[in-house]
Amino acid sequence: MEVAKEALGGAIEAVRATSPEGAREMATRLQLAMNVLLENERKIWLRTKAGREMLGALGVAASRLAEIAGDGSPEEIEAALKEVELHAGEIREEIRRRSMVVT
């Protein structure tokens, strides 16, 4: 969990340091991904193998975005950002699925 949060934090800072015109929107989108982690960091299933794999994939994608943000083209940065959002969405969906109560 901490590794994924650090990677997302680094990606947010790297995006903010790039271009001012699109950085605000990208940083906001990354903050939404960070919020998924912050809101659900106490969920027990995130400590299972499946949860750790999902967090690991999100961390790798965020690290890649942080690397690309410095010298990548806008298209590469957008693609990397979409990958981060994809992984955050998968975690959000899994949380929603596991939160359902069967009556």
N, C-alpha and C. Protein backbone atom coordinates (compact mmCIF):
# COMPACT_ATOMS: atom_id res chain seq x y z
N MET A 1 0.84 -1.19 0.00
CA MET A 1 0.00 0.00 0.00
C MET A 1 0.88 1.25 0.00
N GLU A 2 1.86 1.27 0.89
CA GLU A 2 2.72 2.45 0.99
C GLU A 2 3.51 2.69 -0.29
N VAL A 3 3.94 1.62 -0.93
CA VAL A 3 4.71 1.75 -2.18
C VAL A 3 3.83 2.37 -3.26
N ALA A 4 2.59 1.92 -3.35
CA ALA A 4 1.67 2.46 -4.35
C ALA A 4 1.37 3.93 -4.06
N LYS A 5 1.18 4.27 -2.79
CA LYS A 5 0.90 5.67 -2.44
C LYS A 5 2.11 6.55 -2.74
N GLU A 6 3.31 6.07 -2.45
CA GLU A 6 4.52 6.84 -2.74
C GLU A 6 4.69 7.03 -4.25
N ALA A 7 4.43 5.97 -5.01
CA ALA A 7 4.56 6.05 -6.47
C ALA A 7 3.56 7.05 -7.04
N LEU A 8 2.32 7.03 -6.53
CA LEU A 8 1.33 7.99 -7.00
C LEU A 8 1.70 9.41 -6.60
N GLY A 9 2.20 9.58 -5.40
CA GLY A 9 2.65 10.91 -4.97
C GLY A 9 3.77 11.43 -5.85
N GLY A 10 4.71 10.56 -6.19
CA GLY A 10 5.80 10.95 -7.08
C GLY A 10 5.29 11.30 -8.47
N ALA A 11 4.30 10.54 -8.95
CA ALA A 11 3.74 10.82 -10.26
C ALA A 11 3.01 12.17 -10.26
N ILE A 12 2.30 12.47 -9.18
CA ILE A 12 1.61 13.75 -9.09
C ILE A 12 2.61 14.90 -9.14
N GLU A 13 3.68 14.78 -8.37
CA GLU A 13 4.71 15.84 -8.37
C GLU A 13 5.38 15.96 -9.73
N ALA A 14 5.67 14.83 -10.38
CA ALA A 14 6.32 14.87 -11.68
C ALA A 14 5.42 15.52 -12.73
N VAL A 15 4.14 15.23 -12.68
CA VAL A 15 3.20 15.83 -13.64
C VAL A 15 3.08 17.32 -13.39
N ARG A 16 3.01 17.71 -12.13
CA ARG A 16 2.91 19.15 -11.82
C ARG A 16 4.15 19.91 -12.30
N ALA A 17 5.29 19.25 -12.33
CA ALA A 17 6.54 19.90 -12.71
C ALA A 17 6.71 20.00 -14.24
N THR A 18 5.85 19.33 -14.99
CA THR A 18 6.01 19.33 -16.45
C THR A 18 5.43 20.59 -17.07
N SER A 19 4.34 20.46 -17.74
CA SER A 19 3.77 21.60 -18.46
C SER A 19 2.60 22.17 -17.68
N PRO A 20 2.53 23.48 -17.56
CA PRO A 20 1.45 24.08 -16.77
C PRO A 20 0.07 23.97 -17.40
N GLU A 21 -0.01 23.86 -18.73
CA GLU A 21 -1.32 23.88 -19.37
C GLU A 21 -2.14 22.62 -19.06
N GLY A 22 -1.53 21.46 -19.08
CA GLY A 22 -2.29 20.24 -18.82
C GLY A 22 -2.00 19.62 -17.48
N ALA A 23 -1.08 20.21 -16.75
CA ALA A 23 -0.65 19.60 -15.49
C ALA A 23 -1.75 19.60 -14.44
N ARG A 24 -2.54 20.64 -14.41
CA ARG A 24 -3.59 20.73 -13.39
C ARG A 24 -4.62 19.62 -13.57
N GLU A 25 -5.06 19.42 -14.80
CA GLU A 25 -6.05 18.37 -15.06
C GLU A 25 -5.46 16.99 -14.76
N MET A 26 -4.23 16.76 -15.19
CA MET A 26 -3.59 15.47 -14.95
C MET A 26 -3.38 15.23 -13.46
N ALA A 27 -2.95 16.24 -12.74
CA ALA A 27 -2.74 16.10 -11.30
C ALA A 27 -4.07 15.80 -10.60
N THR A 28 -5.14 16.41 -11.06
CA THR A 28 -6.46 16.14 -10.49
C THR A 28 -6.86 14.69 -10.74
N ARG A 29 -6.62 14.21 -11.94
CA ARG A 29 -6.95 12.82 -12.26
C ARG A 29 -6.11 11.86 -11.43
N LEU A 30 -4.86 12.19 -11.21
CA LEU A 30 -4.01 11.35 -10.36
C LEU A 30 -4.47 11.41 -8.90
N GLN A 31 -4.91 12.57 -8.47
CA GLN A 31 -5.39 12.70 -7.09
C GLN A 31 -6.63 11.82 -6.87
N LEU A 32 -7.47 11.69 -7.89
CA LEU A 32 -8.63 10.80 -7.78
C LEU A 32 -8.18 9.35 -7.59
N ALA A 33 -7.13 8.96 -8.30
CA ALA A 33 -6.58 7.61 -8.12
C ALA A 33 -6.00 7.45 -6.71
N MET A 34 -5.33 8.50 -6.21
CA MET A 34 -4.79 8.46 -4.86
C MET A 34 -5.92 8.33 -3.84
N ASN A 35 -7.03 9.02 -4.09
CA ASN A 35 -8.16 8.97 -3.16
C ASN A 35 -8.71 7.56 -3.03
N VAL A 36 -8.68 6.78 -4.11
CA VAL A 36 -9.12 5.38 -4.04
C VAL A 36 -8.30 4.64 -3.00
N LEU A 37 -7.00 4.88 -3.00
CA LEU A 37 -6.13 4.21 -2.02
C LEU A 37 -6.37 4.74 -0.61
N LEU A 38 -6.45 6.04 -0.48
CA LEU A 38 -6.60 6.63 0.85
C LEU A 38 -7.92 6.24 1.50
N GLU A 39 -8.99 6.20 0.72
CA GLU A 39 -10.29 5.86 1.26
C GLU A 39 -10.42 4.39 1.65
N ASN A 40 -9.59 3.55 1.06
CA ASN A 40 -9.75 2.11 1.25
C ASN A 40 -8.51 1.42 1.81
N GLU A 41 -7.60 2.17 2.37
CA GLU A 41 -6.35 1.56 2.81
C GLU A 41 -6.52 0.58 3.96
N ARG A 42 -7.63 0.62 4.65
CA ARG A 42 -7.86 -0.31 5.76
C ARG A 42 -8.63 -1.57 5.36
N LYS A 43 -8.95 -1.69 4.09
CA LYS A 43 -9.66 -2.88 3.62
C LYS A 43 -8.74 -4.09 3.73
N ILE A 44 -9.23 -5.10 4.38
CA ILE A 44 -8.42 -6.29 4.64
C ILE A 44 -8.05 -7.01 3.34
N TRP A 45 -8.96 -7.06 2.38
CA TRP A 45 -8.68 -7.82 1.17
C TRP A 45 -7.50 -7.25 0.38
N LEU A 46 -7.16 -5.98 0.61
CA LEU A 46 -6.00 -5.41 -0.08
C LEU A 46 -4.69 -6.06 0.38
N ARG A 47 -4.75 -6.75 1.51
CA ARG A 47 -3.56 -7.43 2.01
C ARG A 47 -3.45 -8.87 1.50
N THR A 48 -4.47 -9.32 0.76
CA THR A 48 -4.42 -10.65 0.18
C THR A 48 -3.53 -10.63 -1.06
N LYS A 49 -3.31 -11.80 -1.62
CA LYS A 49 -2.47 -11.89 -2.81
C LYS A 49 -3.06 -11.06 -3.96
N ALA A 50 -4.36 -11.19 -4.17
CA ALA A 50 -5.01 -10.45 -5.26
C ALA A 50 -4.89 -8.94 -5.03
N GLY A 51 -5.11 -8.50 -3.81
CA GLY A 51 -5.02 -7.08 -3.49
C GLY A 51 -3.61 -6.55 -3.67
N ARG A 52 -2.63 -7.32 -3.21
CA ARG A 52 -1.24 -6.88 -3.36
C ARG A 52 -0.84 -6.79 -4.83
N GLU A 53 -1.35 -7.73 -5.64
CA GLU A 53 -1.05 -7.68 -7.07
C GLU A 53 -1.65 -6.44 -7.72
N MET A 54 -2.88 -6.11 -7.33
CA MET A 54 -3.53 -4.92 -7.89
C MET A 54 -2.80 -3.65 -7.46
N LEU A 55 -2.40 -3.59 -6.21
CA LEU A 55 -1.65 -2.43 -5.73
C LEU A 55 -0.29 -2.34 -6.40
N GLY A 56 0.34 -3.49 -6.61
CA GLY A 56 1.63 -3.52 -7.29
C GLY A 56 1.53 -3.01 -8.72
N ALA A 57 0.49 -3.44 -9.43
CA ALA A 57 0.29 -2.98 -10.80
C ALA A 57 0.05 -1.48 -10.84
N LEU A 58 -0.70 -0.96 -9.88
CA LEU A 58 -0.94 0.47 -9.81
C LEU A 58 0.36 1.21 -9.52
N GLY A 59 1.17 0.69 -8.61
CA GLY A 59 2.46 1.30 -8.28
C GLY A 59 3.41 1.33 -9.47
N VAL A 60 3.45 0.24 -10.22
CA VAL A 60 4.33 0.18 -11.40
C VAL A 60 3.87 1.20 -12.44
N ALA A 61 2.55 1.28 -12.66
CA ALA A 61 2.03 2.23 -13.64
C ALA A 61 2.32 3.67 -13.21
N ALA A 62 2.18 3.96 -11.92
CA ALA A 62 2.46 5.31 -11.42
C ALA A 62 3.95 5.63 -11.53
N SER A 63 4.81 4.67 -11.25
CA SER A 63 6.25 4.89 -11.39
C SER A 63 6.63 5.16 -12.84
N ARG A 64 6.00 4.42 -13.74
CA ARG A 64 6.26 4.62 -15.17
C ARG A 64 5.81 6.02 -15.58
N LEU A 65 4.67 6.46 -15.09
CA LEU A 65 4.19 7.80 -15.40
C LEU A 65 5.16 8.86 -14.88
N ALA A 66 5.67 8.66 -13.67
CA ALA A 66 6.62 9.63 -13.11
C ALA A 66 7.88 9.72 -13.97
N GLU A 67 8.33 8.58 -14.51
CA GLU A 67 9.51 8.58 -15.37
C GLU A 67 9.24 9.29 -16.69
N ILE A 68 8.08 9.02 -17.27
CA ILE A 68 7.73 9.58 -18.57
C ILE A 68 7.44 11.07 -18.48
N ALA A 69 6.88 11.51 -17.35
CA ALA A 69 6.43 12.89 -17.21
C ALA A 69 7.55 13.90 -17.47
N GLY A 70 8.77 13.56 -17.14
CA GLY A 70 9.87 14.49 -17.31
C GLY A 70 10.24 14.77 -18.74
N ASP A 71 10.24 13.74 -19.58
CA ASP A 71 10.73 13.96 -20.95
C ASP A 71 9.88 13.28 -22.02
N GLY A 72 8.73 12.79 -21.65
CA GLY A 72 7.88 12.11 -22.62
C GLY A 72 7.01 13.08 -23.40
N SER A 73 6.49 12.59 -24.49
CA SER A 73 5.57 13.40 -25.30
C SER A 73 4.21 13.44 -24.58
N PRO A 74 3.39 14.42 -24.90
CA PRO A 74 2.06 14.49 -24.28
C PRO A 74 1.23 13.22 -24.50
N GLU A 75 1.40 12.58 -25.65
CA GLU A 75 0.66 11.35 -25.93
C GLU A 75 1.12 10.22 -25.01
N GLU A 76 2.44 10.12 -24.79
CA GLU A 76 2.98 9.09 -23.89
C GLU A 76 2.51 9.33 -22.46
N ILE A 77 2.52 10.58 -22.04
CA ILE A 77 2.08 10.92 -20.68
C ILE A 77 0.61 10.57 -20.51
N GLU A 78 -0.20 10.91 -21.50
CA GLU A 78 -1.64 10.61 -21.43
C GLU A 78 -1.89 9.10 -21.38
N ALA A 79 -1.14 8.34 -22.18
CA ALA A 79 -1.29 6.88 -22.17
C ALA A 79 -0.92 6.30 -20.81
N ALA A 80 0.16 6.80 -20.23
CA ALA A 80 0.58 6.31 -18.91
C ALA A 80 -0.44 6.71 -17.85
N LEU A 81 -1.00 7.90 -17.97
CA LEU A 81 -2.03 8.35 -17.02
C LEU A 81 -3.27 7.49 -17.13
N LYS A 82 -3.66 7.14 -18.34
CA LYS A 82 -4.82 6.26 -18.52
C LYS A 82 -4.58 4.89 -17.92
N GLU A 83 -3.34 4.41 -17.99
CA GLU A 83 -3.01 3.12 -17.38
C GLU A 83 -3.16 3.19 -15.86
N VAL A 84 -2.71 4.28 -15.26
CA VAL A 84 -2.88 4.47 -13.81
C VAL A 84 -4.36 4.50 -13.47
N GLU A 85 -5.14 5.25 -14.25
CA GLU A 85 -6.58 5.34 -14.00
C GLU A 85 -7.25 3.98 -14.17
N LEU A 86 -6.79 3.19 -15.12
CA LEU A 86 -7.34 1.85 -15.33
C LEU A 86 -7.14 0.99 -14.08
N HIS A 87 -5.92 0.99 -13.55
CA HIS A 87 -5.64 0.18 -12.36
C HIS A 87 -6.40 0.68 -11.15
N ALA A 88 -6.52 1.99 -11.00
CA ALA A 88 -7.30 2.55 -9.89
C ALA A 88 -8.77 2.17 -10.04
N GLY A 89 -9.27 2.17 -11.26
CA GLY A 89 -10.64 1.76 -11.52
C GLY A 89 -10.88 0.30 -11.19
N GLU A 90 -9.90 -0.54 -11.49
CA GLU A 90 -10.02 -1.96 -11.16
C GLU A 90 -10.10 -2.15 -9.65
N ILE A 91 -9.28 -1.41 -8.92
CA ILE A 91 -9.33 -1.50 -7.45
C ILE A 91 -10.67 -0.99 -6.95
N ARG A 92 -11.14 0.12 -7.47
CA ARG A 92 -12.44 0.68 -7.07
C ARG A 92 -13.56 -0.32 -7.33
N GLU A 93 -13.54 -0.96 -8.49
CA GLU A 93 -14.58 -1.93 -8.84
C GLU A 93 -14.51 -3.15 -7.92
N GLU A 94 -13.32 -3.61 -7.62
CA GLU A 94 -13.18 -4.76 -6.72
C GLU A 94 -13.68 -4.41 -5.32
N ILE A 95 -13.41 -3.21 -4.87
CA ILE A 95 -13.90 -2.76 -3.57
C ILE A 95 -15.43 -2.73 -3.58
N ARG A 96 -16.00 -2.21 -4.65
CA ARG A 96 -17.46 -2.16 -4.76
C ARG A 96 -18.04 -3.57 -4.76
N ARG A 97 -17.42 -4.46 -5.51
CA ARG A 97 -17.90 -5.83 -5.60
C ARG A 97 -17.83 -6.53 -4.25
N ARG A 98 -16.74 -6.35 -3.56
CA ARG A 98 -16.58 -7.01 -2.26
C ARG A 98 -17.42 -6.37 -1.16
N SER A 99 -17.87 -5.17 -1.39
CA SER A 99 -18.70 -4.49 -0.38
C SER A 99 -20.18 -4.86 -0.48
N MET A 100 -20.55 -5.51 -1.55
CA MET A 100 -21.95 -5.88 -1.72
C MET A 100 -22.35 -6.89 -0.65
N VAL A 101 -23.54 -6.69 -0.14
CA VAL A 101 -24.05 -7.59 0.88
C VAL A 101 -25.12 -8.46 0.26
N VAL A 102 -24.97 -9.75 0.45
CA VAL A 102 -25.96 -10.69 -0.07
C VAL A 102 -27.02 -10.88 1.01
N THR A 103 -28.27 -10.67 0.62
CA THR A 103 -29.35 -10.84 1.60
C THR A 103 -30.21 -12.00 1.27
